[in-house]
N, C-alpha and C. Protein backbone atom coordinates (compact mmCIF):
# COMPACT_ATOMS: atom_id res chain seq x y z
N MET A 1 0.81 -1.20 0.00
CA MET A 1 0.00 0.00 0.00
C MET A 1 0.86 1.27 0.00
N GLU A 2 2.02 1.24 0.66
CA GLU A 2 2.90 2.42 0.69
C GLU A 2 3.29 2.85 -0.71
N ARG A 3 3.48 1.93 -1.62
CA ARG A 3 3.92 2.28 -2.97
C ARG A 3 2.80 2.92 -3.78
N ASP A 4 1.59 3.01 -3.22
CA ASP A 4 0.52 3.75 -3.88
C ASP A 4 0.68 5.24 -3.62
N ARG A 5 1.69 5.59 -2.81
CA ARG A 5 1.94 6.99 -2.48
C ARG A 5 3.39 7.32 -2.83
N LYS A 6 3.66 8.62 -2.97
CA LYS A 6 5.05 9.02 -3.22
C LYS A 6 5.29 10.41 -2.67
N LEU A 7 6.56 10.70 -2.47
CA LEU A 7 6.99 12.00 -2.00
C LEU A 7 6.97 12.98 -3.17
N VAL A 8 6.41 14.15 -2.95
CA VAL A 8 6.29 15.17 -4.00
C VAL A 8 6.93 16.46 -3.50
N TRP A 9 7.76 17.07 -4.36
CA TRP A 9 8.39 18.35 -4.06
C TRP A 9 7.55 19.47 -4.68
N LEU A 10 7.20 20.46 -3.87
CA LEU A 10 6.41 21.60 -4.32
C LEU A 10 7.36 22.78 -4.56
N GLU A 11 7.82 22.88 -5.78
CA GLU A 11 8.86 23.84 -6.15
C GLU A 11 8.51 25.28 -5.79
N ASP A 12 7.26 25.66 -5.97
CA ASP A 12 6.86 27.04 -5.72
C ASP A 12 6.92 27.42 -4.24
N ARG A 13 6.88 26.45 -3.36
CA ARG A 13 6.98 26.72 -1.91
C ARG A 13 8.42 26.67 -1.40
N CYS A 14 9.26 25.95 -2.09
CA CYS A 14 10.61 25.63 -1.61
C CYS A 14 11.51 26.87 -1.57
N ILE A 15 12.26 27.00 -0.47
CA ILE A 15 13.24 28.10 -0.33
C ILE A 15 14.67 27.59 -0.52
N ARG A 16 14.83 26.35 -0.91
CA ARG A 16 16.12 25.73 -1.23
C ARG A 16 17.11 25.79 -0.06
N CYS A 17 16.62 25.58 1.15
CA CYS A 17 17.47 25.63 2.34
C CYS A 17 18.26 24.34 2.54
N GLY A 18 17.77 23.23 1.98
CA GLY A 18 18.46 21.96 2.09
C GLY A 18 18.22 21.20 3.38
N LEU A 19 17.35 21.68 4.24
CA LEU A 19 17.09 20.97 5.49
C LEU A 19 16.55 19.57 5.24
N CYS A 20 15.72 19.40 4.25
CA CYS A 20 15.15 18.09 3.93
C CYS A 20 16.25 17.10 3.55
N VAL A 21 17.23 17.58 2.80
CA VAL A 21 18.35 16.74 2.38
C VAL A 21 19.12 16.27 3.61
N GLY A 22 19.33 17.18 4.55
CA GLY A 22 20.09 16.87 5.75
C GLY A 22 19.43 15.90 6.70
N VAL A 23 18.10 15.89 6.74
CA VAL A 23 17.42 15.00 7.68
C VAL A 23 17.09 13.63 7.11
N CYS A 24 17.22 13.44 5.82
CA CYS A 24 16.88 12.15 5.20
C CYS A 24 17.93 11.09 5.56
N PRO A 25 17.53 10.06 6.31
CA PRO A 25 18.49 9.02 6.69
C PRO A 25 18.79 8.02 5.57
N PHE A 26 18.08 8.13 4.46
CA PHE A 26 18.23 7.17 3.37
C PHE A 26 18.89 7.76 2.13
N ASP A 27 19.37 9.01 2.23
CA ASP A 27 20.04 9.69 1.12
C ASP A 27 19.16 9.71 -0.13
N ALA A 28 17.86 9.93 0.07
CA ALA A 28 16.92 9.91 -1.03
C ALA A 28 16.69 11.29 -1.65
N LEU A 29 17.23 12.34 -1.02
CA LEU A 29 17.04 13.70 -1.53
C LEU A 29 18.38 14.35 -1.80
N LYS A 30 18.42 15.15 -2.87
CA LYS A 30 19.61 15.92 -3.22
C LYS A 30 19.17 17.30 -3.68
N LEU A 31 19.99 18.29 -3.39
CA LEU A 31 19.77 19.64 -3.89
C LEU A 31 20.75 19.86 -5.03
N GLU A 32 20.23 19.87 -6.25
CA GLU A 32 21.06 20.04 -7.45
C GLU A 32 20.44 21.09 -8.35
N ASN A 33 21.27 22.00 -8.83
CA ASN A 33 20.80 23.05 -9.74
C ASN A 33 19.58 23.77 -9.20
N ASN A 34 19.60 24.03 -7.88
CA ASN A 34 18.53 24.77 -7.21
C ASN A 34 17.19 24.02 -7.22
N MET A 35 17.26 22.69 -7.35
CA MET A 35 16.06 21.86 -7.34
C MET A 35 16.26 20.69 -6.39
N ILE A 36 15.20 20.25 -5.74
CA ILE A 36 15.25 19.06 -4.91
C ILE A 36 14.98 17.85 -5.81
N ILE A 37 15.93 16.94 -5.84
CA ILE A 37 15.80 15.72 -6.62
C ILE A 37 15.47 14.58 -5.66
N ILE A 38 14.40 13.86 -5.95
CA ILE A 38 13.94 12.77 -5.10
C ILE A 38 14.27 11.44 -5.78
N ASP A 39 15.00 10.58 -5.08
CA ASP A 39 15.25 9.23 -5.56
C ASP A 39 14.17 8.34 -4.95
N HIS A 40 13.14 8.07 -5.71
CA HIS A 40 12.00 7.31 -5.21
C HIS A 40 12.34 5.86 -4.88
N GLU A 41 13.44 5.36 -5.43
CA GLU A 41 13.88 4.00 -5.10
C GLU A 41 14.43 3.94 -3.67
N LYS A 42 15.08 5.02 -3.24
CA LYS A 42 15.65 5.07 -1.89
C LYS A 42 14.64 5.55 -0.85
N CYS A 43 13.66 6.33 -1.27
CA CYS A 43 12.70 6.93 -0.34
C CYS A 43 11.81 5.85 0.27
N THR A 44 11.73 5.86 1.60
CA THR A 44 10.88 4.90 2.31
C THR A 44 9.58 5.53 2.81
N LEU A 45 9.37 6.81 2.49
CA LEU A 45 8.21 7.57 2.92
C LEU A 45 8.13 7.67 4.45
N CYS A 46 9.29 7.80 5.08
CA CYS A 46 9.33 7.90 6.54
C CYS A 46 8.75 9.22 7.04
N GLY A 47 8.78 10.26 6.19
CA GLY A 47 8.19 11.55 6.55
C GLY A 47 9.10 12.51 7.28
N LEU A 48 10.35 12.14 7.54
CA LEU A 48 11.24 13.05 8.26
C LEU A 48 11.49 14.34 7.47
N CYS A 49 11.62 14.24 6.17
CA CYS A 49 11.84 15.44 5.35
C CYS A 49 10.61 16.34 5.36
N VAL A 50 9.44 15.74 5.34
CA VAL A 50 8.19 16.50 5.37
C VAL A 50 8.10 17.29 6.68
N LYS A 51 8.41 16.62 7.79
CA LYS A 51 8.38 17.28 9.10
C LYS A 51 9.48 18.32 9.23
N GLY A 52 10.62 18.08 8.60
CA GLY A 52 11.76 18.98 8.72
C GLY A 52 11.71 20.20 7.82
N CYS A 53 10.83 20.22 6.86
CA CYS A 53 10.75 21.36 5.93
C CYS A 53 10.02 22.52 6.58
N PRO A 54 10.69 23.68 6.69
CA PRO A 54 10.06 24.83 7.36
C PRO A 54 8.95 25.51 6.56
N VAL A 55 8.82 25.17 5.27
CA VAL A 55 7.82 25.84 4.43
C VAL A 55 6.84 24.87 3.77
N ALA A 56 6.80 23.64 4.26
CA ALA A 56 5.88 22.61 3.74
C ALA A 56 6.00 22.42 2.23
N ALA A 57 7.24 22.29 1.76
CA ALA A 57 7.49 22.12 0.32
C ALA A 57 7.58 20.65 -0.09
N LEU A 58 7.37 19.75 0.85
CA LEU A 58 7.36 18.32 0.54
C LEU A 58 6.08 17.71 1.11
N GLU A 59 5.47 16.83 0.33
CA GLU A 59 4.26 16.15 0.76
C GLU A 59 4.29 14.71 0.30
N ILE A 60 3.67 13.84 1.08
CA ILE A 60 3.47 12.46 0.65
C ILE A 60 2.05 12.38 0.15
N ARG A 61 1.92 12.03 -1.12
CA ARG A 61 0.60 12.05 -1.78
C ARG A 61 0.32 10.73 -2.49
N PRO A 62 -0.94 10.48 -2.72
CA PRO A 62 -1.28 9.37 -3.61
C PRO A 62 -0.68 9.65 -4.99
N GLN A 63 -0.18 8.64 -5.66
CA GLN A 63 0.47 8.83 -6.94
C GLN A 63 -0.45 9.47 -7.98
N LEU A 64 -1.69 9.11 -8.01
CA LEU A 64 -2.60 9.66 -9.00
C LEU A 64 -2.67 11.18 -8.89
N GLU A 65 -2.76 11.68 -7.68
CA GLU A 65 -2.83 13.12 -7.48
C GLU A 65 -1.54 13.80 -7.94
N ALA A 66 -0.41 13.21 -7.65
CA ALA A 66 0.87 13.79 -8.05
C ALA A 66 1.01 13.82 -9.57
N ILE A 67 0.64 12.75 -10.22
CA ILE A 67 0.72 12.68 -11.67
C ILE A 67 -0.20 13.72 -12.30
N ALA A 68 -1.41 13.84 -11.79
CA ALA A 68 -2.36 14.82 -12.32
C ALA A 68 -1.80 16.23 -12.18
N LYS A 69 -1.22 16.55 -11.03
CA LYS A 69 -0.66 17.88 -10.81
C LYS A 69 0.49 18.16 -11.77
N GLU A 70 1.38 17.18 -11.94
CA GLU A 70 2.51 17.34 -12.86
C GLU A 70 2.03 17.63 -14.28
N ARG A 71 0.90 17.07 -14.65
CA ARG A 71 0.37 17.25 -16.01
C ARG A 71 -0.61 18.41 -16.12
N GLY A 72 -0.84 19.10 -15.01
CA GLY A 72 -1.74 20.24 -15.02
C GLY A 72 -3.21 19.86 -15.12
N VAL A 73 -3.57 18.67 -14.67
CA VAL A 73 -4.94 18.19 -14.72
C VAL A 73 -5.53 18.27 -13.32
N GLU A 74 -6.74 18.81 -13.22
CA GLU A 74 -7.42 18.86 -11.92
C GLU A 74 -8.33 17.65 -11.78
N LEU A 75 -8.20 16.99 -10.64
CA LEU A 75 -9.04 15.83 -10.37
C LEU A 75 -10.35 16.31 -9.72
N ALA A 76 -11.42 15.66 -10.08
CA ALA A 76 -12.72 15.97 -9.45
C ALA A 76 -12.71 15.44 -8.04
N VAL A 77 -13.25 16.23 -7.12
CA VAL A 77 -13.27 15.81 -5.72
C VAL A 77 -14.62 15.31 -5.30
């Protein structure tokens, strides 16, 4: 069931402080070219990065919602 969800980076909220990278015990996040890169193979969805982000720029979401947002599609609620 965990794999039905994934970590999503919200670029417009992010201040590029790197705190999320520092708290990840699985080395699943990197700050490269002013962007947070998520290695979904390493990410265990532990939520430490979500809790550690001072501006709520990371969220664990159902994959369908993340894919729809990436494509600019609004899902009916």
